[in-house]
Amino acid sequence: MNNESTLTARQLMIFIFLISLGTTILVVPSILAAQSKQDAWISGITAVCAGMLFIWMYVKLARMYPDMTLFDMNEYVLGKWLGKAVTLLYIYIMFIISAQVLFYIGAFMTTQIMPTTPIQSIHLLMITFTVIGAKLGVVILARTGEIFFPWMVLLFFLLVIFVAPQSNIKNLLPIGEASFMSIARSAMFMIVYSFFPIVFTLCLTSKEARFPARFAKSFFYGGITSGVMMIIVTLLGILVMGADQSSRHVYATYALAKKISVGNFLQRIEVTVAFLWFISIYFKLTLYFHVVLKAVASLFQLQDYKSLATPTGLIVIVLSLMVYPNVAYIHEWDQHTWVPLGLCFGCLHPGLLIIIGYMRRKKVKNS
């Protein structure tokens, strides 16, 4: 096996960490606080524990069909035509999700950091880097993640250290007041946003990029690391701002970073949190974009998917300006459409591939 085409365990762990963090670090804390109030951190712990079960399922799927992408598994398990139909559905959904993630980037930048900048320019700049990342390949992208990972960890610790002195333990009381359904519902939001995207890494394996021999540890360590970071951010938001104020902010983590004030000297450094989020969401967007390219190449039996990158990027830019008509539609989609959709692609589909695979193996063994 060519070492140049094999992801190391560290690279894969960091890649899993980055795509799990992605949009989650800014969006999910406010959703958890709105659903579970001061018990939002309990929802975070519940989500991480349940997320490990889903990661185990993805690892099991990868071991059952080694050297196969998720699209190859579709045709191998479901048959040629049904498998291609599922792949076509992936293309449609991944186009939508890529455009949504790109919109999140533009909306955050134009509302929080650069309000006078046209959102189209932000989208164009971001998709340019995404196209470059997709053309360079997964291995180069994973090596880039290695460079940024220490800086992201450092910025996260600085956020915790500077904000922690403003904590008020009374904001956590009374503990356990949220109902079971509220905790389960908010935990499901975090699972869908943070852990379900990991299944799309199964689309990356090819001659150009292979998983390391002990890839299971990378999956679990990456998922646990991002999950613990999310729990800490959610807990800090409740301790510092309280549950009500955290739930009112669309970007609760960014609002938390605005609270940093050290001796009336070190202030207004919330852009560091924006940098942390910007890097992680870039890797998440590139993963989705890469899945679109690989799905199209698999559907039409194309040898080189990289030639599709530029025209696909232009389509995603146009779609990103149309995918969310207004703010009310964003909340409606995130809470009522994305969760069941994520369950279909992150739970039902891989679970179905595993069950059918076991049934076929048992049938062959008996015959």
Protein backbone atom coordinates (compact mmCIF):
# COMPACT_ATOMS: atom_id res chain seq x y z
CA MET A 1 0.00 0.00 0.00
CA ASN A 2 1.28 3.44 -0.89
CA ASN A 3 1.90 5.42 2.27
CA GLU A 4 1.30 8.66 0.38
CA SER A 5 -2.32 7.63 -0.21
CA THR A 6 -3.02 6.44 3.33
CA LEU A 7 -4.38 8.72 6.02
CA THR A 8 -2.58 8.35 9.33
CA ALA A 9 -4.60 7.65 12.46
CA ARG A 10 -3.87 11.17 13.72
CA GLN A 11 -4.98 12.79 10.45
CA LEU A 12 -8.22 10.85 10.38
CA MET A 13 -8.94 11.66 14.03
CA ILE A 14 -8.43 15.38 13.41
CA PHE A 15 -10.58 15.23 10.28
CA ILE A 16 -13.41 13.55 12.23
CA PHE A 17 -13.00 16.16 14.97
CA LEU A 18 -13.23 19.06 12.51
CA ILE A 19 -16.32 17.86 10.65
CA SER A 20 -18.04 16.99 13.94
CA LEU A 21 -17.40 20.49 15.27
CA GLY A 22 -18.30 22.41 12.09
CA THR A 23 -21.56 24.33 12.41
CA THR A 24 -22.25 22.64 15.74
CA ILE A 25 -20.07 24.85 17.91
CA LEU A 26 -21.97 28.05 17.12
CA VAL A 27 -25.52 26.85 16.42
CA VAL A 28 -26.22 23.91 18.74
CA PRO A 29 -25.55 25.49 22.21
CA SER A 30 -28.48 27.89 21.75
CA ILE A 31 -30.73 25.02 20.61
CA LEU A 32 -29.77 22.94 23.64
CA ALA A 33 -30.42 25.88 25.98
CA ALA A 34 -33.81 26.58 24.36
CA GLN A 35 -34.93 22.96 24.76
CA SER A 36 -33.36 21.88 28.08
CA LYS A 37 -32.72 25.26 29.78
CA GLN A 38 -30.09 24.93 32.54
CA ASP A 39 -29.88 21.16 31.92
CA ALA A 40 -28.46 21.70 28.43
CA TRP A 41 -25.14 20.23 29.51
CA ILE A 42 -26.95 16.99 30.45
CA SER A 43 -28.32 16.88 26.90
CA GLY A 44 -24.76 17.29 25.62
CA ILE A 45 -23.52 14.33 27.67
CA THR A 46 -26.49 12.24 26.48
CA ALA A 47 -25.75 13.16 22.87
CA VAL A 48 -22.08 12.18 23.13
CA CYS A 49 -22.92 8.80 24.68
CA ALA A 50 -25.52 8.06 22.01
CA GLY A 51 -23.18 9.39 19.31
CA MET A 52 -20.63 6.73 20.18
CA LEU A 53 -23.20 4.08 19.23
CA PHE A 54 -23.65 5.63 15.81
CA ILE A 55 -19.89 5.88 15.32
CA TRP A 56 -19.66 2.17 16.20
CA MET A 57 -22.21 1.51 13.45
CA TYR A 58 -20.15 3.45 10.89
CA VAL A 59 -16.99 1.60 11.89
CA LYS A 60 -18.85 -1.71 11.56
CA LEU A 61 -20.04 -0.72 8.09
CA ALA A 62 -16.53 0.23 6.98
CA ARG A 63 -15.16 -3.10 8.22
CA MET A 64 -17.86 -5.11 6.50
CA TYR A 65 -17.08 -3.55 3.11
CA PRO A 66 -13.39 -2.59 3.09
CA ASP A 67 -12.04 -0.60 0.14
CA MET A 68 -15.60 0.39 -0.84
CA THR A 69 -17.10 3.84 -0.80
CA LEU A 70 -20.61 4.33 0.50
CA PHE A 71 -21.84 4.47 -3.09
CA ASP A 72 -20.13 1.18 -3.94
CA MET A 73 -21.87 -0.33 -0.92
CA ASN A 74 -25.22 0.89 -2.24
CA GLU A 75 -24.83 -0.98 -5.52
CA TYR A 76 -23.23 -4.04 -3.91
CA VAL A 77 -25.89 -4.47 -1.22
CA LEU A 78 -29.02 -2.97 -2.77
CA GLY A 79 -28.39 -3.94 -6.37
CA LYS A 80 -27.33 -1.87 -9.36
CA TRP A 81 -30.48 0.14 -10.05
CA LEU A 82 -31.70 0.64 -6.49
CA GLY A 83 -28.14 1.48 -5.45
CA LYS A 84 -27.87 4.11 -8.19
CA ALA A 85 -31.23 5.54 -7.13
CA VAL A 86 -29.96 5.94 -3.55
CA THR A 87 -26.77 7.56 -4.87
CA LEU A 88 -28.87 9.97 -6.93
CA LEU A 89 -30.76 10.87 -3.76
CA TYR A 90 -27.42 11.52 -2.06
CA ILE A 91 -26.44 13.91 -4.87
CA TYR A 92 -29.65 15.89 -4.42
CA ILE A 93 -29.40 16.08 -0.62
CA MET A 94 -25.68 16.87 -0.61
CA PHE A 95 -26.26 19.74 -3.03
CA ILE A 96 -28.85 21.17 -0.64
CA ILE A 97 -26.72 20.69 2.47
CA SER A 98 -23.59 22.14 0.81
CA ALA A 99 -25.58 25.24 -0.14
CA GLN A 100 -26.96 25.50 3.41
CA VAL A 101 -23.53 25.30 5.03
CA LEU A 102 -22.25 27.92 2.60
CA PHE A 103 -25.20 30.14 3.52
CA TYR A 104 -24.41 29.73 7.23
CA ILE A 105 -20.89 31.01 6.57
CA GLY A 106 -22.09 34.02 4.60
CA ALA A 107 -24.89 34.83 7.06
CA PHE A 108 -22.54 34.74 10.04
CA MET A 109 -19.88 36.87 8.39
CA THR A 110 -22.30 39.51 7.10
CA THR A 111 -24.29 39.79 10.34
CA GLN A 112 -21.53 39.53 12.95
CA ILE A 113 -18.19 40.59 11.47
CA MET A 114 -18.52 42.35 8.08
CA PRO A 115 -22.08 43.71 7.82
CA THR A 116 -21.39 45.92 4.78
CA THR A 117 -19.86 43.12 2.72
CA PRO A 118 -22.13 41.49 0.10
CA ILE A 119 -22.91 37.91 1.01
CA GLN A 120 -22.18 36.85 -2.58
CA SER A 121 -18.52 37.79 -2.21
CA ILE A 122 -18.22 35.70 0.97
CA HIS A 123 -19.79 32.72 -0.79
CA LEU A 124 -17.53 33.11 -3.82
CA LEU A 125 -14.38 33.31 -1.71
CA MET A 126 -15.36 30.31 0.42
CA ILE A 127 -16.35 28.10 -2.48
CA THR A 128 -13.07 28.94 -4.22
CA PHE A 129 -11.11 27.49 -1.29
CA THR A 130 -13.50 24.54 -1.16
CA VAL A 131 -12.96 23.74 -4.84
CA ILE A 132 -9.19 23.96 -4.34
CA GLY A 133 -9.40 21.61 -1.34
CA ALA A 134 -11.53 19.12 -3.28
CA LYS A 135 -9.10 19.11 -6.21
CA LEU A 136 -6.05 18.63 -3.99
CA GLY A 137 -7.60 15.54 -2.42
CA VAL A 138 -8.44 14.16 1.00
CA VAL A 139 -4.87 13.43 2.06
CA ILE A 140 -3.73 17.01 1.49
CA LEU A 141 -6.85 18.25 3.25
CA ALA A 142 -6.14 16.02 6.25
CA ARG A 143 -2.55 17.29 6.44
CA THR A 144 -3.88 20.84 6.42
CA GLY A 145 -6.12 19.91 9.33
CA GLU A 146 -3.03 18.78 11.24
CA ILE A 147 -1.58 22.26 10.89
CA PHE A 148 -4.67 24.05 12.19
CA PHE A 149 -5.58 21.59 14.95
CA PRO A 150 -3.08 22.82 17.62
CA TRP A 151 -4.15 26.43 17.05
CA MET A 152 -7.80 25.52 17.40
CA VAL A 153 -7.14 23.70 20.68
CA LEU A 154 -5.12 26.69 21.95
CA LEU A 155 -7.88 29.17 21.08
CA PHE A 156 -10.46 26.96 22.75
CA PHE A 157 -8.46 26.80 25.99
CA LEU A 158 -7.98 30.57 25.92
CA LEU A 159 -11.74 30.98 25.60
CA VAL A 160 -12.34 28.71 28.60
CA ILE A 161 -9.67 30.37 30.74
CA PHE A 162 -10.81 33.94 30.05
CA VAL A 163 -14.56 33.30 30.37
CA ALA A 164 -14.58 30.85 33.30
CA PRO A 165 -14.04 33.55 36.01
CA GLN A 166 -17.43 35.08 35.07
CA SER A 167 -19.27 31.83 35.81
CA ASN A 168 -22.16 31.78 38.27
CA ILE A 169 -23.02 28.34 39.61
CA LYS A 170 -26.56 29.52 40.43
CA ASN A 171 -27.32 29.55 36.70
CA LEU A 172 -27.24 25.73 36.76
CA LEU A 173 -29.92 25.46 39.44
CA PRO A 174 -32.22 23.65 39.74
CA ILE A 175 -30.47 20.65 38.20
CA GLY A 176 -32.66 17.99 36.63
CA GLU A 177 -35.69 20.19 36.09
CA ALA A 178 -35.91 19.49 32.34
CA SER A 179 -38.16 16.62 31.30
CA PHE A 180 -36.88 13.45 29.69
CA MET A 181 -38.41 14.40 26.34
CA SER A 182 -36.76 17.83 26.37
CA ILE A 183 -33.34 16.30 27.03
CA ALA A 184 -33.88 13.59 24.41
CA ARG A 185 -35.09 16.10 21.82
CA SER A 186 -32.17 18.49 22.32
CA ALA A 187 -29.69 15.59 22.41
CA MET A 188 -31.05 14.46 19.04
CA PHE A 189 -30.33 17.91 17.61
CA MET A 190 -26.69 17.65 18.67
CA ILE A 191 -26.38 14.09 17.35
CA VAL A 192 -27.74 15.08 13.94
CA TYR A 193 -25.48 18.11 13.67
CA SER A 194 -22.33 16.63 15.16
CA PHE A 195 -22.21 12.84 14.67
CA PHE A 196 -24.28 11.99 11.61
CA PRO A 197 -21.92 13.85 9.20
CA ILE A 198 -19.24 11.30 10.13
CA VAL A 199 -20.99 8.69 7.97
CA PHE A 200 -20.06 10.71 4.88
CA THR A 201 -16.37 10.04 5.52
CA LEU A 202 -17.10 6.55 4.21
CA CYS A 203 -17.43 8.19 0.78
CA LEU A 204 -13.77 9.29 0.86
CA THR A 205 -12.00 5.94 0.62
CA SER A 206 -10.43 5.35 -2.79
CA LYS A 207 -7.06 4.67 -4.40
CA GLU A 208 -6.10 8.23 -3.52
CA ALA A 209 -7.08 8.02 0.15
CA ARG A 210 -7.33 4.97 2.40
CA PHE A 211 -8.16 4.62 6.06
CA PRO A 212 -5.37 3.47 8.39
CA ALA A 213 -5.45 -0.07 9.76
CA ARG A 214 -6.72 1.07 13.17
CA PHE A 215 -9.19 3.62 11.93
CA ALA A 216 -11.80 2.75 14.59
CA LYS A 217 -9.85 4.56 17.32
CA SER A 218 -9.59 7.64 15.11
CA PHE A 219 -13.37 7.68 14.66
CA PHE A 220 -14.07 7.34 18.38
CA TYR A 221 -11.35 9.74 19.58
CA GLY A 222 -12.36 12.39 17.06
CA GLY A 223 -16.03 12.11 18.01
CA ILE A 224 -15.34 12.15 21.75
CA THR A 225 -12.99 15.15 21.50
CA SER A 226 -15.50 17.27 19.59
CA GLY A 227 -18.32 16.10 21.89
CA VAL A 228 -16.42 17.07 25.06
CA MET A 229 -15.63 20.46 23.55
CA MET A 230 -19.33 20.98 22.80
CA ILE A 231 -20.31 20.03 26.37
CA ILE A 232 -17.80 22.51 27.81
CA VAL A 233 -18.98 25.33 25.52
CA THR A 234 -22.63 24.63 26.37
CA LEU A 235 -21.87 24.48 30.10
CA LEU A 236 -19.90 27.74 29.96
CA GLY A 237 -22.74 29.45 28.13
CA ILE A 238 -25.20 28.45 30.86
CA LEU A 239 -22.80 29.42 33.68
CA VAL A 240 -21.90 32.82 32.25
CA MET A 241 -25.02 34.01 30.40
CA GLY A 242 -27.75 31.83 31.85
CA ALA A 243 -30.11 29.54 29.96
CA ASP A 244 -32.53 32.27 28.81
CA GLN A 245 -29.86 34.53 27.37
CA SER A 246 -28.04 31.62 25.73
CA SER A 247 -31.22 30.49 24.01
CA ARG A 248 -31.90 33.98 22.62
CA HIS A 249 -28.58 34.19 20.77
CA VAL A 250 -28.40 32.49 17.38
CA TYR A 251 -24.62 32.20 17.80
CA ALA A 252 -24.38 31.57 21.53
CA THR A 253 -20.67 30.68 21.50
CA TYR A 254 -19.81 33.90 19.69
CA ALA A 255 -21.88 35.86 22.23
CA LEU A 256 -20.01 34.01 25.00
CA ALA A 257 -16.67 35.09 23.54
CA LYS A 258 -17.82 38.72 23.62
CA LYS A 259 -17.89 38.44 27.41
CA ILE A 260 -14.08 38.17 27.54
CA SER A 261 -12.64 41.12 29.46
CA VAL A 262 -9.31 40.88 31.25
CA GLY A 263 -8.47 43.96 33.27
CA ASN A 264 -10.38 46.20 30.85
CA PHE A 265 -7.47 45.67 28.50
CA LEU A 266 -7.97 42.35 26.71
CA GLN A 267 -11.35 42.77 25.04
CA ARG A 268 -13.18 42.22 21.75
CA ILE A 269 -11.25 39.08 20.86
CA GLU A 270 -14.36 37.07 19.94
CA VAL A 271 -12.97 36.90 16.41
CA THR A 272 -10.77 34.07 17.73
CA VAL A 273 -13.88 31.96 18.23
CA ALA A 274 -15.00 32.95 14.74
CA PHE A 275 -11.65 31.71 13.43
CA LEU A 276 -12.08 28.40 15.28
CA TRP A 277 -15.53 27.95 13.77
CA PHE A 278 -14.50 29.17 10.32
CA ILE A 279 -11.76 26.55 10.02
CA SER A 280 -13.92 23.67 11.22
CA ILE A 281 -16.86 24.56 9.00
CA TYR A 282 -14.53 24.79 6.00
CA PHE A 283 -13.63 21.13 6.45
CA LYS A 284 -17.29 20.22 6.89
CA LEU A 285 -18.26 22.09 3.71
CA THR A 286 -15.39 20.50 1.79
CA LEU A 287 -16.52 17.04 2.96
CA TYR A 288 -20.07 17.63 1.71
CA PHE A 289 -18.78 19.11 -1.55
CA HIS A 290 -16.42 16.16 -2.00
CA VAL A 291 -19.31 13.74 -1.45
CA VAL A 292 -21.27 15.46 -4.22
CA LEU A 293 -18.36 15.07 -6.64
CA LYS A 294 -17.74 11.43 -5.70
CA ALA A 295 -21.45 10.62 -5.97
CA VAL A 296 -21.73 12.12 -9.46
CA ALA A 297 -18.55 10.32 -10.54
CA SER A 298 -19.87 7.02 -9.15
CA LEU A 299 -23.29 7.43 -10.76
CA PHE A 300 -21.92 8.13 -14.25
CA GLN A 301 -18.81 5.91 -13.94
CA LEU A 302 -16.36 8.81 -14.30
CA GLN A 303 -12.69 8.16 -13.61
CA ASP A 304 -11.80 11.74 -12.60
CA TYR A 305 -14.19 13.65 -10.36
CA LYS A 306 -11.93 16.70 -10.07
CA SER A 307 -13.05 18.11 -13.42
CA LEU A 308 -16.53 18.48 -11.92
CA ALA A 309 -15.34 20.69 -9.05
CA THR A 310 -15.53 24.15 -10.67
CA PRO A 311 -18.98 23.86 -12.35
CA THR A 312 -20.39 22.17 -9.24
CA GLY A 313 -19.03 24.99 -7.10
CA LEU A 314 -20.81 27.57 -9.25
CA ILE A 315 -24.09 25.67 -8.88
CA VAL A 316 -23.66 25.56 -5.10
CA ILE A 317 -23.11 29.34 -4.98
CA VAL A 318 -26.35 30.00 -6.85
CA LEU A 319 -28.23 27.46 -4.73
CA SER A 320 -26.88 28.99 -1.50
CA LEU A 321 -28.64 32.27 -2.33
CA MET A 322 -31.97 30.48 -2.78
CA VAL A 323 -31.93 27.68 -0.19
CA TYR A 324 -33.10 29.85 2.75
CA PRO A 325 -35.76 32.43 1.74
CA ASN A 326 -35.93 34.01 5.22
CA VAL A 327 -34.91 33.57 8.86
CA ALA A 328 -38.17 31.87 9.86
CA TYR A 329 -37.56 29.22 7.20
CA ILE A 330 -34.12 28.50 8.71
CA HIS A 331 -35.60 27.64 12.11
CA GLU A 332 -38.38 25.63 10.50
CA TRP A 333 -35.92 23.59 8.44
CA ASP A 334 -33.40 23.02 11.23
CA GLN A 335 -35.96 21.85 13.77
CA HIS A 336 -38.55 20.00 11.68
CA THR A 337 -36.86 18.87 8.47
CA TRP A 338 -33.14 18.37 9.09
CA VAL A 339 -33.59 16.06 12.10
CA PRO A 340 -35.70 13.38 10.34
CA LEU A 341 -33.58 13.80 7.21
CA GLY A 342 -30.42 13.29 9.25
CA LEU A 343 -31.94 10.20 10.84
CA CYS A 344 -32.56 8.72 7.40
CA PHE A 345 -29.00 9.26 6.15
CA GLY A 346 -27.14 8.87 9.43
CA CYS A 347 -29.04 5.98 10.99
CA LEU A 348 -31.59 4.25 8.74
CA HIS A 349 -29.44 3.96 5.61
CA PRO A 350 -26.19 2.63 7.18
CA GLY A 351 -28.22 0.39 9.50
CA LEU A 352 -30.05 -1.04 6.50
CA LEU A 353 -26.77 -1.75 4.71
CA ILE A 354 -25.46 -3.62 7.75
CA ILE A 355 -28.64 -5.69 8.22
CA ILE A 356 -28.93 -6.65 4.54
CA GLY A 357 -25.20 -7.45 4.46
CA TYR A 358 -25.56 -9.82 7.42
CA MET A 359 -28.61 -11.48 5.86
CA ARG A 360 -26.79 -12.04 2.56
CA ARG A 361 -23.72 -13.47 4.30
CA LYS A 362 -25.87 -15.80 6.39
CA LYS A 363 -27.71 -16.96 3.29
CA VAL A 364 -24.44 -17.67 1.45
CA LYS A 365 -23.04 -19.49 4.47
CA ASN A 366 -26.12 -21.70 4.82
CA SER A 367 -26.16 -22.55 1.10
